[in-house]
Every structure is written in C-alpha cells, then in structure tokens.
Amino acid sequence: MMSIRDLERCYGILGLKFGASLEEVNRAYKDLVLIWHPDRVPKGNPRLVEQAEEKMKELNYARDRLRDRSNEQANFTKTNQTTQGTRSESEPRSQSRRHYYQPYPRPHQHYQESSSHAKETPRYSASSGQTASSGQTASSGQTAKSQSTQHSKPPEQPPRSASTFNQSDYARYQTYRQAAASQAASYQATSSQVSQSASTHPPVTKPSAPPKPEPPPRAVYEPPVWRSPHPDMSGTNFSGANLAERDLSQRNLSNSNLSNANLSDAFMHGVNLSGANLQQANLFRANLLQANLRQANLKDANLIGADLSGADLSGADLRGAKVSAGDRVMVKLTGAILTGAILPDGRIYS
C-alpha cells in the first residue's frame, strides 16, 4: 500500500497533479522519455549520461508504482461488486433462518399460577364427608386457640405521668441550665475585650515591597536576508556565447543579452532572467525550474525539451518560439505563470 507522500512524489516526478488518471500517467511518461532517454544525450559528456540514467530510473519507478496502484484499485472495485452481488442473493436464505427472541416466564407468574392451583384443588383426595369433617375440626381448633390467646394476654399499663419523675432528674436539669448560662456570659466578656483592644491599638501595616525592576527590552527579530553567493551578472552581454551544460542556478541575469546563445542542457534552476533578451537562443532540454522570466524576450527561441515548471513568464514574448514537435507540446509547463504572455501563435494568454 503506497503512502500519500510516495504518491505525491511519483506524480511530481511525472509533472502531474495528484490523482491523475492512468492514461495521463502513460502520456507524461512517453513525453519525458523522449527528453531524458540516454540515447539522446551526447556520449562525450559522462555527467549528462549519468544524469539521464538517474532520471530514467525515477521515471520508470514512478510509472510502475502508479500503474500498480491503478490495477489494485480496479481489482478492489471488482471484488466489492462481486461481494455485494453474492450478499444480495444470500439474503432470502438468511432471513428464513432468523430466530426470534422468546422471553423466559417470570418467577412471580409461576408462583401465582401454583398458588391458584393449590386453592382450587383440595389437599386430600378423600370423600366429601371426610373433607367436611376435617374442615369442621379445623374451625373448632382455631376458635379454641383464639380464646386461649385472649386470656393469656397481659393487661395494658397506663402511661407514665409527669409527677412520677424523681428529684434527681430535676436537679440534673437545673445544673445544665446554670452551666449554659455561665458559658454564654464568659463568651460575651471575651468578645467585648477583643473589640476594645482592637480599637485602642492601631492596625499593623505591612511594609510595601520594593518596586520590581523593569525587564530589559526584547530584541526585535530580523529574518536574515538571503544573498546569492554568486556574483551579480545583471546586464551582462552573452550574445552568441556557448553556455551549454553550464550551471547557472540562482544567478542574477536580469536585463542581460543572451541572444543566439547556446544554453542546451544548461542547469538554470531559480535563475533571474527578468527582462533578458533570449531571442533565437538554444534552450534545448534546459532546466528552468522556478525561473524568473518576466518580460523576457524569447522570440524564435528553441524551447523543445525545456523544463519551465513553476517558472514566471508574465508578460514574456514567445512569438515564433519552438515548443512542439508536430501536434505534441514538448515543453513542461506544470505550474507555470503565463499571465499576459504572448504565445508562439501571437495570442495573448489571459
């Protein structure tokens, strides 16, 4: 199972958005193979050959992983549909075997039924004459027992009156009242003494704490200003220069003259070419990732195989530039900004 980070990396290698279809993956793979295949790289430059081989490994890895994931999703969907169909067919059979809950009889209900059964049936299965005689004997015995109980019950005694209390109880009550009265008087005397002493003696005031020292002012954080380690080459004249396979990344070449310059396979990641003159320049397979090409002159430039992903081409002039081979566009423009740019056919991009 691929992670989300691995999926994003595979789509990024192919220059696609997350969630692209398998058809788009195959199309992007074919376009990039035409650019990065080792057979298209000059054999005399081992660094470029090694770079092309590494790029092909990444492309093959991304294409294979995304293809496997697409096949897994198709198999998973097919399995779910088959499982749902089997479940719908087996539903009537499972419904016929359904058992319903039947509660057990409650104990008090069993007791009521047994007691009512005992009342309805006589204890003995003798004749009616014997049953009647036994009933008379029982009634006579109960009468005798009630009479004997009445004669054996002792007579009730009259309630005790207040005059029957002895003198010791009264003396104990008087002692309790005297102790309570003396305790209340002592409490009142103590409270009055406390109030008098509080009025004569002034309240004790605590010494005020010394003022806290003010904290030193905090230093304002200033983010470091990024400065390019390379020298400033803005406005330099490189007309007709051979800069093939040069590393010009993060350089400042704004307003420079690069007309008819050979920049094939040059590495210009994040280069500043705003306002530069690149008319009829050879930018075959140049890496211009996130480059600044605002208001740049790219008339009749060769851009086949160039990578302009994330580049800013606002207001750039691309009239007559070579960007396609037949009907297929051979320039990578993923995330590029083309606001106000003049396209190769003369239309202004909006």
Protein backbone atom coordinates (compact mmCIF):
# COMPACT_ATOMS: atom_id res chain seq x y z
CA MET A 1 0.00 0.00 0.00
CA MET A 2 1.53 3.32 -1.08
CA SER A 3 1.61 6.26 1.30
CA ILE A 4 0.29 9.70 0.37
CA ARG A 5 3.83 11.13 0.38
CA ASP A 6 5.04 8.42 -2.01
CA LEU A 7 2.08 9.07 -4.32
CA GLU A 8 2.75 12.82 -4.39
CA ARG A 9 6.43 12.15 -5.20
CA CYS A 10 5.53 9.82 -8.09
CA TYR A 11 3.07 12.33 -9.56
CA GLY A 12 5.65 15.11 -9.13
CA ILE A 13 8.33 13.14 -10.99
CA LEU A 14 5.98 12.88 -13.97
CA GLY A 15 4.88 16.50 -13.64
CA LEU A 16 1.24 15.61 -12.94
CA LYS A 17 -1.30 16.69 -10.40
CA PHE A 18 -2.31 14.36 -7.60
CA GLY A 19 -4.98 11.88 -8.73
CA ALA A 20 -4.23 11.94 -12.47
CA SER A 21 -5.59 9.02 -14.50
CA LEU A 22 -3.53 6.11 -15.81
CA GLU A 23 -3.85 7.47 -19.36
CA GLU A 24 -2.31 10.79 -18.29
CA VAL A 25 0.48 8.91 -16.48
CA ASN A 26 1.39 6.95 -19.63
CA ARG A 27 1.28 10.07 -21.80
CA ALA A 28 3.54 12.06 -19.46
CA TYR A 29 5.95 9.13 -19.23
CA LYS A 30 6.29 8.93 -23.02
CA ASP A 31 6.88 12.69 -23.32
CA LEU A 32 9.61 12.67 -20.68
CA VAL A 33 11.31 9.59 -22.13
CA LEU A 34 11.73 11.45 -25.41
CA ILE A 35 13.70 14.09 -23.50
CA TRP A 36 15.67 12.08 -20.95
CA HIS A 37 16.47 8.86 -22.77
CA PRO A 38 20.26 8.21 -22.55
CA ASP A 39 20.46 7.68 -26.31
CA ARG A 40 19.54 11.33 -26.84
CA VAL A 41 22.36 12.62 -24.62
CA PRO A 42 25.84 13.28 -26.09
CA LYS A 43 28.09 10.33 -25.24
CA GLY A 44 31.10 12.60 -24.74
CA ASN A 45 29.62 14.09 -21.53
CA PRO A 46 29.57 11.38 -18.82
CA ARG A 47 27.89 13.73 -16.30
CA LEU A 48 24.86 14.21 -18.54
CA VAL A 49 24.73 10.49 -19.34
CA GLU A 50 24.66 9.68 -15.63
CA GLN A 51 22.00 12.33 -15.02
CA ALA A 52 19.85 10.92 -17.84
CA GLU A 53 20.16 7.40 -16.46
CA GLU A 54 19.12 8.52 -12.97
CA LYS A 55 16.19 10.42 -14.45
CA MET A 56 15.07 7.34 -16.39
CA LYS A 57 15.19 5.28 -13.19
CA GLU A 58 12.95 7.81 -11.46
CA LEU A 59 10.53 7.88 -14.40
CA ASN A 60 10.32 4.07 -14.55
CA TYR A 61 9.80 3.87 -10.79
CA ALA A 62 7.02 6.49 -10.79
CA ARG A 63 5.27 4.94 -13.82
CA ASP A 64 5.39 1.39 -12.37
CA ARG A 65 4.16 2.41 -8.91
CA LEU A 66 1.25 4.45 -10.27
CA ARG A 67 0.32 1.68 -12.71
CA ASP A 68 0.31 -0.92 -9.89
CA ARG A 69 -1.85 1.34 -7.75
CA SER A 70 -4.36 1.79 -10.58
CA ASN A 71 -4.56 -2.00 -11.02
CA GLU A 72 -5.08 -2.50 -7.27
CA GLN A 73 -7.95 -0.01 -7.26
CA ALA A 74 -9.58 -1.75 -10.23
CA ASN A 75 -9.30 -5.18 -8.56
CA PHE A 76 -10.64 -3.80 -5.28
CA THR A 77 -13.69 -2.29 -7.02
CA LYS A 78 -14.37 -5.54 -8.88
CA THR A 79 -14.12 -7.57 -5.65
CA ASN A 80 -16.56 -5.25 -3.86
CA GLN A 81 -19.12 -5.54 -6.66
CA THR A 82 -18.87 -9.37 -6.59
CA THR A 83 -19.24 -9.44 -2.78
CA GLN A 84 -22.31 -7.20 -2.87
CA GLY A 85 -23.95 -9.40 -5.52
CA THR A 86 -23.34 -12.57 -3.52
CA ARG A 87 -24.69 -10.92 -0.38
CA SER A 88 -27.91 -9.84 -2.10
CA GLU A 89 -28.50 -13.39 -3.36
CA SER A 90 -27.99 -14.92 0.07
CA GLU A 91 -30.30 -12.50 1.92
CA PRO A 92 -33.59 -14.52 1.49
CA ARG A 93 -31.91 -17.68 2.80
CA SER A 94 -30.58 -15.90 5.86
CA GLN A 95 -33.98 -14.35 6.54
CA SER A 96 -35.64 -17.79 6.59
CA ARG A 97 -33.24 -18.97 9.30
CA ARG A 98 -33.84 -15.99 11.51
CA HIS A 99 -34.69 -16.81 15.17
CA TYR A 100 -36.91 -14.60 17.28
CA TYR A 101 -36.37 -13.93 20.94
CA GLN A 102 -38.80 -15.56 23.37
CA PRO A 103 -38.57 -14.37 26.99
CA TYR A 104 -38.47 -16.84 29.88
CA PRO A 105 -41.51 -16.95 32.26
CA ARG A 106 -41.15 -14.69 35.24
CA PRO A 107 -40.86 -16.28 38.73
CA HIS A 108 -43.79 -14.37 40.30
CA GLN A 109 -46.04 -15.53 37.45
CA HIS A 110 -45.12 -19.16 38.19
CA TYR A 111 -45.79 -18.54 41.87
CA GLN A 112 -49.26 -17.06 41.17
CA GLU A 113 -50.21 -20.00 38.95
CA SER A 114 -49.08 -22.54 41.56
CA SER A 115 -50.94 -20.74 44.38
CA SER A 116 -54.17 -20.51 42.38
CA HIS A 117 -53.87 -24.22 41.54
CA ALA A 118 -53.45 -25.03 45.21
CA LYS A 119 -56.58 -23.05 46.12
CA GLU A 120 -58.72 -24.81 43.53
CA THR A 121 -57.74 -28.43 44.44
CA PRO A 122 -58.33 -29.90 47.97
CA ARG A 123 -55.35 -31.08 49.97
CA TYR A 124 -56.73 -34.62 50.40
CA SER A 125 -58.31 -36.84 47.82
CA ALA A 126 -60.76 -38.42 50.30
CA SER A 127 -64.54 -38.50 50.08
CA SER A 128 -66.66 -35.41 50.58
CA GLY A 129 -67.77 -36.49 54.02
CA GLN A 130 -64.22 -36.77 55.33
CA THR A 131 -63.29 -33.38 53.85
CA ALA A 132 -66.21 -31.67 55.58
CA SER A 133 -65.43 -33.29 58.92
CA SER A 134 -61.81 -32.17 58.68
CA GLY A 135 -62.96 -28.60 57.90
CA GLN A 136 -65.22 -28.59 60.99
CA THR A 137 -62.40 -29.86 63.18
CA ALA A 138 -60.04 -27.15 61.91
CA SER A 139 -62.58 -24.38 62.53
CA SER A 140 -63.24 -25.57 66.09
CA GLY A 141 -59.48 -25.71 66.77
CA GLN A 142 -58.97 -22.14 65.53
CA THR A 143 -61.79 -20.87 67.83
CA ALA A 144 -60.24 -22.52 70.88
CA LYS A 145 -56.81 -21.13 70.02
CA SER A 146 -58.13 -17.56 69.71
CA GLN A 147 -59.90 -17.80 73.07
CA SER A 148 -56.77 -19.05 74.80
CA THR A 149 -54.73 -16.22 73.27
CA GLN A 150 -57.17 -13.61 74.56
CA HIS A 151 -56.99 -14.98 78.16
CA SER A 152 -53.18 -15.17 78.18
CA LYS A 153 -52.58 -11.52 77.00
CA PRO A 154 -51.35 -9.29 79.96
CA PRO A 155 -53.33 -6.13 80.86
CA GLU A 156 -52.10 -2.83 79.41
CA GLN A 157 -50.36 -0.39 81.84
CA PRO A 158 -51.39 3.30 81.99
CA PRO A 159 -48.91 5.88 80.61
CA ARG A 160 -46.41 7.40 83.00
CA SER A 161 -47.35 10.96 84.14
CA ALA A 162 -45.00 13.92 84.73
CA SER A 163 -45.46 13.70 88.51
CA THR A 164 -43.76 10.33 88.69
CA PHE A 165 -40.26 11.80 87.73
CA ASN A 166 -37.84 11.73 90.69
CA GLN A 167 -35.94 14.66 92.15
CA SER A 168 -32.56 13.61 90.68
CA ASP A 169 -33.78 14.32 87.14
CA TYR A 170 -34.88 17.82 88.08
CA ALA A 171 -31.56 18.60 89.80
CA ARG A 172 -29.61 17.43 86.74
CA TYR A 173 -31.69 19.75 84.52
CA GLN A 174 -31.04 22.78 86.75
CA THR A 175 -27.27 22.10 86.73
CA TYR A 176 -27.28 22.01 82.92
CA ARG A 177 -29.07 25.37 82.66
CA GLN A 178 -26.62 27.06 85.05
CA ALA A 179 -23.58 25.78 83.11
CA ALA A 180 -25.01 27.03 79.81
CA ALA A 181 -25.72 30.49 81.24
CA SER A 182 -22.17 30.86 82.67
CA GLN A 183 -20.62 29.78 79.35
CA ALA A 184 -22.64 32.40 77.42
CA ALA A 185 -21.61 35.15 79.87
CA SER A 186 -17.90 34.28 79.52
CA TYR A 187 -18.16 34.34 75.73
CA GLN A 188 -19.74 37.84 75.78
CA ALA A 189 -16.99 39.17 78.09
CA THR A 190 -14.23 37.78 75.87
CA SER A 191 -15.72 39.30 72.71
CA SER A 192 -16.02 42.76 74.35
CA GLN A 193 -12.34 42.66 75.46
CA VAL A 194 -11.23 41.79 71.94
CA SER A 195 -13.22 44.68 70.43
CA GLN A 196 -11.75 47.17 72.98
CA SER A 197 -8.17 46.09 72.30
CA ALA A 198 -8.72 46.41 68.56
CA SER A 199 -9.98 49.99 68.97
CA THR A 200 -7.05 51.11 71.21
CA HIS A 201 -4.22 49.57 69.13
CA PRO A 202 -3.86 50.76 65.52
CA PRO A 203 -3.69 48.05 62.82
CA VAL A 204 -0.25 46.85 61.87
CA THR A 205 0.63 47.77 58.30
CA LYS A 206 2.99 45.59 56.28
CA PRO A 207 5.96 47.31 54.67
CA SER A 208 5.50 47.90 50.96
CA ALA A 209 7.50 45.66 48.68
CA PRO A 210 10.28 47.31 46.67
CA PRO A 211 9.38 48.01 43.05
CA LYS A 212 10.27 45.25 40.61
CA PRO A 213 12.97 46.12 38.11
CA GLU A 214 11.72 46.56 34.58
CA PRO A 215 12.73 43.77 32.21
CA PRO A 216 15.21 44.70 29.52
CA PRO A 217 13.67 45.41 26.12
CA ARG A 218 13.43 42.41 23.86
CA ALA A 219 15.49 42.38 20.75
CA VAL A 220 13.40 42.57 17.60
CA TYR A 221 13.97 39.52 15.43
CA GLU A 222 15.03 40.38 11.94
CA PRO A 223 14.99 37.49 9.48
CA PRO A 224 18.24 37.02 7.63
CA VAL A 225 18.30 38.44 4.14
CA TRP A 226 19.20 35.81 1.58
CA ARG A 227 22.09 36.82 -0.59
CA SER A 228 23.28 34.84 -3.53
CA PRO A 229 26.84 33.52 -3.21
CA HIS A 230 27.32 34.13 -6.94
CA PRO A 231 28.39 37.48 -8.41
CA ASP A 232 25.78 39.77 -9.89
CA MET A 233 25.71 39.38 -13.69
CA SER A 234 22.75 41.57 -14.48
CA GLY A 235 23.06 43.43 -17.79
CA THR A 236 25.99 41.24 -18.98
CA ASN A 237 26.38 40.66 -22.72
CA PHE A 238 26.47 36.94 -23.56
CA SER A 239 25.32 37.26 -27.14
CA GLY A 240 26.32 34.13 -29.12
CA ALA A 241 28.15 32.61 -26.12
CA ASN A 242 28.42 28.83 -25.72
CA LEU A 243 26.95 28.13 -22.27
CA ALA A 244 25.88 24.53 -22.92
CA GLU A 245 25.70 22.31 -19.81
CA ARG A 246 26.69 25.22 -17.55
CA ASP A 247 25.36 25.54 -14.01
CA LEU A 248 23.70 28.95 -13.80
CA SER A 249 21.28 28.20 -10.97
CA GLN A 250 20.27 31.06 -8.65
CA ARG A 251 22.23 33.57 -10.77
CA ASN A 252 21.04 37.12 -11.41
CA LEU A 253 20.98 37.60 -15.20
CA SER A 254 18.27 40.23 -15.34
CA ASN A 255 18.35 42.50 -18.41
CA SER A 256 21.30 40.53 -19.80
CA ASN A 257 21.79 39.88 -23.54
CA LEU A 258 21.68 36.14 -24.35
CA SER A 259 20.55 36.35 -27.95
CA ASN A 260 21.78 33.44 -30.13
CA ALA A 261 23.44 31.90 -27.06
CA ASN A 262 23.73 28.11 -26.77
CA LEU A 263 22.09 27.11 -23.45
CA SER A 264 21.28 23.49 -24.28
CA ASP A 265 21.23 21.17 -21.23
CA ALA A 266 22.08 24.15 -19.02
CA PHE A 267 21.04 23.94 -15.36
CA MET A 268 19.29 27.24 -14.53
CA HIS A 269 17.14 26.39 -11.54
CA GLY A 270 15.71 29.59 -9.99
CA VAL A 271 17.68 31.88 -12.30
CA ASN A 272 16.60 35.51 -12.63
CA LEU A 273 16.13 36.34 -16.34
CA SER A 274 13.59 39.13 -15.97
CA GLY A 275 13.80 41.50 -18.94
CA ALA A 276 16.58 39.41 -20.54
CA ASN A 277 16.98 39.13 -24.32
CA LEU A 278 16.85 35.42 -25.30
CA GLN A 279 15.93 35.89 -28.94
CA GLN A 280 16.89 32.84 -31.07
CA ALA A 281 18.65 31.26 -28.06
CA ASN A 282 19.01 27.48 -27.96
CA LEU A 283 17.33 26.26 -24.74
CA PHE A 284 17.03 22.60 -25.75
CA ARG A 285 16.45 20.50 -22.58
CA ALA A 286 17.41 23.42 -20.38
CA ASN A 287 16.30 23.18 -16.75
CA LEU A 288 14.48 26.45 -15.99
CA LEU A 289 12.57 25.20 -12.94
CA GLN A 290 11.03 28.14 -11.00
CA ALA A 291 12.97 30.64 -13.11
CA ASN A 292 12.01 34.32 -13.31
CA LEU A 293 11.32 35.17 -16.98
CA ARG A 294 9.10 38.21 -16.56
CA GLN A 295 9.07 40.48 -19.61
CA ALA A 296 11.77 38.28 -21.21
CA ASN A 297 12.24 38.23 -24.99
CA LEU A 298 12.01 34.62 -26.19
CA LYS A 299 11.26 35.23 -29.87
CA ASP A 300 12.24 32.31 -32.13
CA ALA A 301 13.94 30.55 -29.18
CA ASN A 302 14.26 26.75 -29.20
CA LEU A 303 12.37 25.52 -26.10
CA ILE A 304 11.87 21.85 -27.07
CA GLY A 305 12.57 19.62 -24.06
CA ALA A 306 12.93 22.58 -21.68
CA ASP A 307 11.52 22.30 -18.15
CA LEU A 308 9.66 25.50 -17.19
CA SER A 309 7.75 24.06 -14.22
CA GLY A 310 6.82 26.80 -11.77
CA ALA A 311 8.51 29.48 -13.91
CA ASP A 312 7.11 33.01 -14.05
CA LEU A 313 6.54 34.00 -17.70
CA SER A 314 4.32 37.01 -17.02
CA GLY A 315 4.47 39.37 -20.00
CA ALA A 316 7.11 37.28 -21.80
CA ASP A 317 7.23 37.36 -25.63
CA LEU A 318 7.16 33.82 -27.07
CA ARG A 319 6.28 34.63 -30.66
CA GLY A 320 7.81 32.10 -33.05
CA ALA A 321 9.33 30.00 -30.26
CA LYS A 322 9.66 26.26 -30.90
CA VAL A 323 7.62 24.44 -28.28
CA SER A 324 6.16 21.41 -30.10
CA ALA A 325 7.02 18.55 -32.42
CA GLY A 326 4.04 18.05 -34.69
CA ASP A 327 0.87 18.20 -32.57
CA ARG A 328 2.61 17.33 -29.30
CA VAL A 329 3.85 20.07 -26.96
CA MET A 330 7.39 19.21 -25.87
CA VAL A 331 7.78 21.87 -23.13
CA LYS A 332 7.00 21.16 -19.48
CA LEU A 333 4.84 24.00 -18.11
CA THR A 334 3.48 22.48 -14.89
CA GLY A 335 2.54 25.33 -12.53
CA ALA A 336 4.00 27.98 -14.83
CA ILE A 337 2.58 31.54 -14.69
CA LEU A 338 1.63 32.83 -18.16
CA THR A 339 -0.37 35.93 -17.27
CA GLY A 340 -0.14 38.43 -20.13
CA ALA A 341 2.40 36.32 -22.06
CA ILE A 342 2.39 36.40 -25.87
CA LEU A 343 2.11 32.80 -27.05
CA PRO A 344 4.00 31.37 -30.07
CA ASP A 345 0.92 31.81 -32.28
CA GLY A 346 0.61 35.52 -31.35
CA ARG A 347 -2.29 35.17 -28.92
CA ILE A 348 -2.08 36.85 -25.53
CA TYR A 349 -2.65 34.44 -22.67
CA SER A 350 -5.35 35.57 -20.26
